[in-house]
Amino acid sequence: MIADINIAPFTDVILVLLIVFMVTTPMIYRSSIKIALPQVTHNQQPVESKDINVSVTSNGEVYLDNQRYN
């Protein structure tokens, strides 16, 4: 007589545990993360943007707004 071990019930239990952990883990992380978002005031002026031109020649010279940079 050869005794065979039936692993089908064991596999079912493992798969159910895996599903339970996959469902509950995101819920645990969502409730534990506290994020302090920045507050916006409506009376601030928008920041002005300025274009900056950077050029690199084939010789390796770098120009910043048409002025050579060393």
Protein backbone atom coordinates (compact mmCIF):
# COMPACT_ATOMS: atom_id res chain seq x y z
CA MET A 1 0.00 0.00 0.00
CA ILE A 2 1.22 3.43 -0.95
CA ALA A 3 -0.17 6.30 1.11
CA ASP A 4 -0.94 9.32 -1.04
CA ILE A 5 -1.42 12.71 0.50
CA ASN A 6 -4.28 14.69 -1.01
CA ILE A 7 -3.12 18.30 -1.24
CA ALA A 8 -6.30 19.72 -2.81
CA PRO A 9 -7.82 20.85 0.55
CA PHE A 10 -4.48 22.39 1.54
CA THR A 11 -4.32 24.28 -1.77
CA ASP A 12 -7.88 25.55 -1.27
CA VAL A 13 -7.06 26.88 2.19
CA ILE A 14 -3.89 28.61 0.96
CA LEU A 15 -5.74 30.27 -1.93
CA VAL A 16 -8.49 31.53 0.42
CA LEU A 17 -5.86 32.97 2.78
CA LEU A 18 -4.11 34.65 -0.15
CA ILE A 19 -7.37 36.25 -1.28
CA VAL A 20 -8.13 37.44 2.26
CA PHE A 21 -4.69 39.06 2.57
CA MET A 22 -4.96 40.65 -0.88
CA VAL A 23 -8.31 42.22 0.01
CA THR A 24 -7.46 43.40 3.52
CA THR A 25 -3.93 44.76 2.96
CA PRO A 26 -4.94 47.83 0.90
CA MET A 27 -7.56 48.71 3.50
CA ILE A 28 -4.94 48.66 6.26
CA TYR A 29 -2.54 50.90 4.33
CA ARG A 30 -5.22 53.39 3.28
CA SER A 31 -6.31 53.97 6.84
CA SER A 32 -2.78 54.35 8.21
CA ILE A 33 -1.35 56.90 5.76
CA LYS A 34 -1.91 60.50 6.82
CA ILE A 35 -0.96 63.13 4.25
CA ALA A 36 -0.77 66.84 5.03
CA LEU A 37 -1.74 68.52 1.78
CA PRO A 38 -0.64 72.13 1.20
CA GLN A 39 -3.28 74.79 1.63
CA VAL A 40 -3.96 77.29 -1.14
CA THR A 41 -4.88 80.90 -0.50
CA HIS A 42 -6.82 82.67 -3.21
CA ASN A 43 -5.23 86.10 -2.77
CA GLN A 44 -1.75 85.14 -4.02
CA GLN A 45 -0.44 86.50 -7.31
CA PRO A 46 0.72 84.00 -9.94
CA VAL A 47 4.45 83.56 -10.27
CA GLU A 48 5.96 85.09 -13.40
CA SER A 49 7.89 82.72 -15.60
CA LYS A 50 11.06 83.59 -17.44
CA ASP A 51 12.49 81.70 -20.39
CA ILE A 52 16.12 80.62 -20.15
CA ASN A 53 18.04 79.66 -23.28
CA VAL A 54 20.85 77.15 -22.92
CA SER A 55 22.98 76.34 -25.98
CA VAL A 56 25.84 73.88 -26.38
CA THR A 57 28.09 74.13 -29.43
CA SER A 58 29.81 71.23 -31.14
CA ASN A 59 33.05 72.39 -29.47
CA GLY A 60 31.51 71.90 -26.02
CA GLU A 61 31.02 75.59 -25.24
CA VAL A 62 27.98 76.38 -23.13
CA TYR A 63 25.97 79.57 -23.60
CA LEU A 64 23.40 80.75 -21.08
CA ASP A 65 21.12 83.46 -22.52
CA ASN A 66 23.68 84.13 -25.29
CA GLN A 67 26.50 84.64 -22.78
CA ARG A 68 29.34 82.16 -22.61
CA TYR A 69 29.41 80.11 -19.41
CA ASN A 70 32.72 78.67 -18.18
